[in-house]
Amino acid sequence: MNSLLIIALMANLNLYFLKDSPNLLVRIVPEENTDRLTLYYSFAGEKWDSMEVQSYTTHFDAVIAPPETISIVGFYFKYNDRIDDNKGALYLYEVKKSPRMILPFSLNYLETVLKQARKKIINQNYIDEAITIIDYVEKTLNTIPYKKDSEQEIKIGALLSEVNELKALVAK
């Protein structure tokens, strides 16, 4: 019973494709009751945009039109003078229009993937896979939206440094 209450009290943000539409539905359940909520979003590192979100008693829904070429989208929201940015990590999703795919991810995931690439390089096994991983992580890191002067910006810089270090190891 207590675990159900904890789940109900946690804020969350989910992303969906709308049926028969290229648009995305963002559904937000804030931690506290509120009648106003502002959603901030950025596609692949473009400038941040915002919108007031419509309330539906227990949740808020927003429909956003993604650009033609979408890959990474980041979100955070503000309500009751409080910013919910997923504890500084933003709500991040990798999105593909065809075939339709929405995959939540985090910088911690990319850090784990880089550790796997490092292990492959050090062990001299599957170097081609390591190169593919490094290229994917570099491309992703260069398109991840982030808030200026945030811990996330610093972590992206550190991960990009590690990517460059791994590239140098492969070149040896």
C-alpha atoms as a PDB file:
ATOM      1  CA  MET A   1       0.000   0.000   0.000  1.00  0.00           C
ATOM      2  CA  ASN A   2       2.770   2.454   0.930  1.00  0.00           C
ATOM      3  CA  SER A   3       4.629   1.773  -2.314  1.00  0.00           C
ATOM      4  CA  LEU A   4       1.498   2.618  -4.284  1.00  0.00           C
ATOM      5  CA  LEU A   5       1.262   5.934  -2.470  1.00  0.00           C
ATOM      6  CA  ILE A   6       4.907   6.690  -3.221  1.00  0.00           C
ATOM      7  CA  ILE A   7       4.374   5.993  -6.908  1.00  0.00           C
ATOM      8  CA  ALA A   8       1.304   8.228  -6.948  1.00  0.00           C
ATOM      9  CA  LEU A   9       3.220  11.095  -5.331  1.00  0.00           C
ATOM     10  CA  MET A  10       6.117  11.081  -7.799  1.00  0.00           C
ATOM     11  CA  ALA A  11       6.024  13.426 -10.747  1.00  0.00           C
ATOM     12  CA  ASN A  12       6.487  11.972 -14.170  1.00  0.00           C
ATOM     13  CA  LEU A  13       6.532  12.921 -17.791  1.00  0.00           C
ATOM     14  CA  ASN A  14       5.665  10.512 -20.595  1.00  0.00           C
ATOM     15  CA  LEU A  15       5.914  10.921 -24.351  1.00  0.00           C
ATOM     16  CA  TYR A  16       3.688   9.289 -26.970  1.00  0.00           C
ATOM     17  CA  PHE A  17       3.023   9.472 -30.691  1.00  0.00           C
ATOM     18  CA  LEU A  18      -0.491  10.578 -31.594  1.00  0.00           C
ATOM     19  CA  LYS A  19      -2.379   8.084 -33.728  1.00  0.00           C
ATOM     20  CA  ASP A  20      -2.297   8.945 -37.445  1.00  0.00           C
ATOM     21  CA  SER A  21      -0.268  12.082 -36.764  1.00  0.00           C
ATOM     22  CA  PRO A  22       3.416  13.041 -36.705  1.00  0.00           C
ATOM     23  CA  ASN A  23       2.791  15.089 -33.522  1.00  0.00           C
ATOM     24  CA  LEU A  24       3.835  14.046 -30.038  1.00  0.00           C
ATOM     25  CA  LEU A  25       1.708  13.965 -26.896  1.00  0.00           C
ATOM     26  CA  VAL A  26       3.456  14.946 -23.665  1.00  0.00           C
ATOM     27  CA  ARG A  27       1.592  13.791 -20.541  1.00  0.00           C
ATOM     28  CA  ILE A  28       2.712  15.205 -17.205  1.00  0.00           C
ATOM     29  CA  VAL A  29       1.629  14.197 -13.708  1.00  0.00           C
ATOM     30  CA  PRO A  30       3.076  16.778 -11.294  1.00  0.00           C
ATOM     31  CA  GLU A  31       3.997  15.912  -7.697  1.00  0.00           C
ATOM     32  CA  GLU A  32       1.673  18.604  -6.323  1.00  0.00           C
ATOM     33  CA  ASN A  33      -1.795  19.755  -7.314  1.00  0.00           C
ATOM     34  CA  THR A  34      -1.707  22.789  -9.552  1.00  0.00           C
ATOM     35  CA  ASP A  35      -3.937  24.494 -12.075  1.00  0.00           C
ATOM     36  CA  ARG A  36      -1.110  25.911 -14.246  1.00  0.00           C
ATOM     37  CA  LEU A  37       1.923  24.250 -15.722  1.00  0.00           C
ATOM     38  CA  THR A  38       4.499  25.420 -18.267  1.00  0.00           C
ATOM     39  CA  LEU A  39       6.311  22.860 -20.401  1.00  0.00           C
ATOM     40  CA  TYR A  40       9.780  23.644 -21.774  1.00  0.00           C
ATOM     41  CA  TYR A  41      11.166  21.533 -24.610  1.00  0.00           C
ATOM     42  CA  SER A  42      14.042  21.439 -27.065  1.00  0.00           C
ATOM     43  CA  PHE A  43      14.605  19.235 -30.097  1.00  0.00           C
ATOM     44  CA  ALA A  44      18.194  18.085 -30.692  1.00  0.00           C
ATOM     45  CA  GLY A  45      19.827  21.029 -28.978  1.00  0.00           C
ATOM     46  CA  GLU A  46      17.756  23.739 -30.690  1.00  0.00           C
ATOM     47  CA  LYS A  47      16.649  26.720 -28.635  1.00  0.00           C
ATOM     48  CA  TRP A  48      14.213  26.036 -25.814  1.00  0.00           C
ATOM     49  CA  ASP A  49      10.526  26.608 -26.502  1.00  0.00           C
ATOM     50  CA  SER A  50       7.682  26.685 -23.979  1.00  0.00           C
ATOM     51  CA  MET A  51       3.922  26.400 -23.774  1.00  0.00           C
ATOM     52  CA  GLU A  52       1.178  26.564 -21.193  1.00  0.00           C
ATOM     53  CA  VAL A  53      -0.257  23.078 -20.770  1.00  0.00           C
ATOM     54  CA  GLN A  54      -3.928  22.073 -20.578  1.00  0.00           C
ATOM     55  CA  SER A  55      -5.044  20.455 -17.301  1.00  0.00           C
ATOM     56  CA  TYR A  56      -7.119  17.260 -17.252  1.00  0.00           C
ATOM     57  CA  THR A  57      -7.834  16.874 -13.500  1.00  0.00           C
ATOM     58  CA  THR A  58      -5.055  14.378 -12.645  1.00  0.00           C
ATOM     59  CA  HIS A  59      -2.621  15.175 -15.445  1.00  0.00           C
ATOM     60  CA  PHE A  60      -1.581  17.744 -18.035  1.00  0.00           C
ATOM     61  CA  ASP A  61      -1.418  17.069 -21.781  1.00  0.00           C
ATOM     62  CA  ALA A  62       0.458  19.006 -24.441  1.00  0.00           C
ATOM     63  CA  VAL A  63       0.696  18.306 -28.157  1.00  0.00           C
ATOM     64  CA  ILE A  64       3.903  19.382 -29.840  1.00  0.00           C
ATOM     65  CA  ALA A  65       4.867  19.278 -33.499  1.00  0.00           C
ATOM     66  CA  PRO A  66       8.364  17.883 -33.930  1.00  0.00           C
ATOM     67  CA  PRO A  67      10.673  18.996 -36.734  1.00  0.00           C
ATOM     68  CA  GLU A  68      10.953  16.810 -39.836  1.00  0.00           C
ATOM     69  CA  THR A  69      14.215  15.283 -38.648  1.00  0.00           C
ATOM     70  CA  ILE A  70      13.885  14.501 -34.976  1.00  0.00           C
ATOM     71  CA  SER A  71      16.337  12.547 -32.893  1.00  0.00           C
ATOM     72  CA  ILE A  72      16.626  13.806 -29.323  1.00  0.00           C
ATOM     73  CA  VAL A  73      14.086  15.804 -27.350  1.00  0.00           C
ATOM     74  CA  GLY A  74      14.494  17.162 -23.826  1.00  0.00           C
ATOM     75  CA  PHE A  75      11.823  18.397 -21.427  1.00  0.00           C
ATOM     76  CA  TYR A  76      11.361  20.051 -18.080  1.00  0.00           C
ATOM     77  CA  PHE A  77       8.360  21.815 -16.579  1.00  0.00           C
ATOM     78  CA  LYS A  78       7.472  24.510 -14.087  1.00  0.00           C
ATOM     79  CA  TYR A  79       4.505  24.736 -11.726  1.00  0.00           C
ATOM     80  CA  ASN A  80       3.796  26.401  -8.375  1.00  0.00           C
ATOM     81  CA  ASP A  81       7.132  28.295  -8.650  1.00  0.00           C
ATOM     82  CA  ARG A  82       8.872  24.924  -8.785  1.00  0.00           C
ATOM     83  CA  ILE A  83      10.992  23.551 -11.644  1.00  0.00           C
ATOM     84  CA  ASP A  84      10.899  19.804 -12.283  1.00  0.00           C
ATOM     85  CA  ASP A  85      13.891  18.961 -14.452  1.00  0.00           C
ATOM     86  CA  ASN A  86      14.232  15.308 -13.422  1.00  0.00           C
ATOM     87  CA  LYS A  87      16.707  16.225 -10.670  1.00  0.00           C
ATOM     88  CA  GLY A  88      18.889  18.164 -13.104  1.00  0.00           C
ATOM     89  CA  ALA A  89      18.996  15.396 -15.711  1.00  0.00           C
ATOM     90  CA  LEU A  90      16.041  16.625 -17.802  1.00  0.00           C
ATOM     91  CA  TYR A  91      13.511  14.225 -19.257  1.00  0.00           C
ATOM     92  CA  LEU A  92      15.315  12.949 -22.363  1.00  0.00           C
ATOM     93  CA  TYR A  93      13.958  10.817 -25.199  1.00  0.00           C
ATOM     94  CA  GLU A  94      15.371   9.492 -28.426  1.00  0.00           C
ATOM     95  CA  VAL A  95      12.613   9.661 -31.051  1.00  0.00           C
ATOM     96  CA  LYS A  96      12.417   8.189 -34.553  1.00  0.00           C
ATOM     97  CA  LYS A  97       9.478   8.846 -36.865  1.00  0.00           C
ATOM     98  CA  SER A  98       9.966   5.841 -39.111  1.00  0.00           C
ATOM     99  CA  PRO A  99       9.687   3.269 -37.772  1.00  0.00           C
ATOM    100  CA  ARG A 100       8.002   4.950 -34.818  1.00  0.00           C
ATOM    101  CA  MET A 101      10.144   4.664 -31.728  1.00  0.00           C
ATOM    102  CA  ILE A 102      10.351   6.545 -28.441  1.00  0.00           C
ATOM    103  CA  LEU A 103      13.164   5.544 -26.108  1.00  0.00           C
ATOM    104  CA  PRO A 104      13.794   7.305 -22.791  1.00  0.00           C
ATOM    105  CA  PHE A 105      17.472   7.618 -21.933  1.00  0.00           C
ATOM    106  CA  SER A 106      19.904   9.432 -19.681  1.00  0.00           C
ATOM    107  CA  LEU A 107      23.498  10.565 -19.556  1.00  0.00           C
ATOM    108  CA  ASN A 108      24.123   7.707 -17.115  1.00  0.00           C
ATOM    109  CA  TYR A 109      23.128   5.288 -19.883  1.00  0.00           C
ATOM    110  CA  LEU A 110      25.582   6.924 -22.302  1.00  0.00           C
ATOM    111  CA  GLU A 111      28.285   6.755 -19.625  1.00  0.00           C
ATOM    112  CA  THR A 112      27.661   2.991 -19.250  1.00  0.00           C
ATOM    113  CA  VAL A 113      27.829   2.513 -23.012  1.00  0.00           C
ATOM    114  CA  LEU A 114      31.173   4.356 -23.128  1.00  0.00           C
ATOM    115  CA  LYS A 115      32.537   2.062 -20.411  1.00  0.00           C
ATOM    116  CA  GLN A 116      31.608  -0.900 -22.619  1.00  0.00           C
ATOM    117  CA  ALA A 117      33.439   0.692 -25.557  1.00  0.00           C
ATOM    118  CA  ARG A 118      36.517   1.295 -23.372  1.00  0.00           C
ATOM    119  CA  LYS A 119      36.501  -2.355 -22.287  1.00  0.00           C
ATOM    120  CA  LYS A 120      36.310  -3.525 -25.930  1.00  0.00           C
ATOM    121  CA  ILE A 121      39.241  -1.282 -26.869  1.00  0.00           C
ATOM    122  CA  ILE A 122      41.420  -2.286 -23.918  1.00  0.00           C
ATOM    123  CA  ASN A 123      40.749  -5.995 -24.510  1.00  0.00           C
ATOM    124  CA  GLN A 124      41.318  -5.531 -28.259  1.00  0.00           C
ATOM    125  CA  ASN A 125      38.020  -7.335 -28.898  1.00  0.00           C
ATOM    126  CA  TYR A 126      35.320  -6.074 -31.227  1.00  0.00           C
ATOM    127  CA  ILE A 127      37.065  -2.778 -32.032  1.00  0.00           C
ATOM    128  CA  ASP A 128      34.556  -2.124 -34.838  1.00  0.00           C
ATOM    129  CA  GLU A 129      31.710  -2.291 -32.298  1.00  0.00           C
ATOM    130  CA  ALA A 130      33.600   0.079 -30.002  1.00  0.00           C
ATOM    131  CA  ILE A 131      34.018   2.569 -32.860  1.00  0.00           C
ATOM    132  CA  THR A 132      30.293   2.358 -33.645  1.00  0.00           C
ATOM    133  CA  ILE A 133      29.454   2.958 -29.972  1.00  0.00           C
ATOM    134  CA  ILE A 134      31.836   5.924 -29.756  1.00  0.00           C
ATOM    135  CA  ASP A 135      30.350   7.485 -32.910  1.00  0.00           C
ATOM    136  CA  TYR A 136      26.778   7.007 -31.595  1.00  0.00           C
ATOM    137  CA  VAL A 137      27.603   8.506 -28.190  1.00  0.00           C
ATOM    138  CA  GLU A 138      29.424  11.471 -29.753  1.00  0.00           C
ATOM    139  CA  LYS A 139      26.524  12.200 -32.120  1.00  0.00           C
ATOM    140  CA  THR A 140      24.025  11.901 -29.275  1.00  0.00           C
ATOM    141  CA  LEU A 141      26.016  14.083 -26.871  1.00  0.00           C
ATOM    142  CA  ASN A 142      26.315  16.809 -29.519  1.00  0.00           C
ATOM    143  CA  THR A 143      22.531  16.929 -29.930  1.00  0.00           C
ATOM    144  CA  ILE A 144      21.318  16.544 -26.332  1.00  0.00           C
ATOM    145  CA  PRO A 145      19.401  19.580 -25.116  1.00  0.00           C
ATOM    146  CA  TYR A 146      20.606  21.005 -21.797  1.00  0.00           C
ATOM    147  CA  LYS A 147      20.104  24.061 -19.638  1.00  0.00           C
ATOM    148  CA  LYS A 148      23.024  26.505 -19.693  1.00  0.00           C
ATOM    149  CA  ASP A 149      25.373  26.422 -16.697  1.00  0.00           C
ATOM    150  CA  SER A 150      23.876  23.175 -15.381  1.00  0.00           C
ATOM    151  CA  GLU A 151      25.488  20.021 -14.018  1.00  0.00           C
ATOM    152  CA  GLN A 152      24.207  18.280 -17.126  1.00  0.00           C
ATOM    153  CA  GLU A 153      26.218  20.633 -19.356  1.00  0.00           C
ATOM    154  CA  ILE A 154      29.349  19.804 -17.344  1.00  0.00           C
ATOM    155  CA  LYS A 155      28.670  16.058 -17.577  1.00  0.00           C
ATOM    156  CA  ILE A 156      28.168  16.293 -21.356  1.00  0.00           C
ATOM    157  CA  GLY A 157      31.552  18.029 -21.622  1.00  0.00           C
ATOM    158  CA  ALA A 158      33.205  15.308 -19.515  1.00  0.00           C
ATOM    159  CA  LEU A 159      31.658  12.548 -21.626  1.00  0.00           C
ATOM    160  CA  LEU A 160      32.776  14.268 -24.839  1.00  0.00           C
ATOM    161  CA  SER A 161      36.324  14.379 -23.408  1.00  0.00           C
ATOM    162  CA  GLU A 162      36.114  10.648 -22.768  1.00  0.00           C
ATOM    163  CA  VAL A 163      34.890  10.106 -26.343  1.00  0.00           C
ATOM    164  CA  ASN A 164      37.967  11.973 -27.639  1.00  0.00           C
ATOM    165  CA  GLU A 165      40.223   9.931 -25.367  1.00  0.00           C
ATOM    166  CA  LEU A 166      38.726   6.667 -26.671  1.00  0.00           C
ATOM    167  CA  LYS A 167      39.101   7.853 -30.262  1.00  0.00           C
ATOM    168  CA  ALA A 168      42.795   8.493 -29.566  1.00  0.00           C
ATOM    169  CA  LEU A 169      43.165   4.977 -28.127  1.00  0.00           C
ATOM    170  CA  VAL A 170      41.602   3.467 -31.252  1.00  0.00           C
ATOM    171  CA  ALA A 171      43.895   5.511 -33.509  1.00  0.00           C
ATOM    172  CA  LYS A 172      47.033   4.074 -31.840  1.00  0.00           C
END
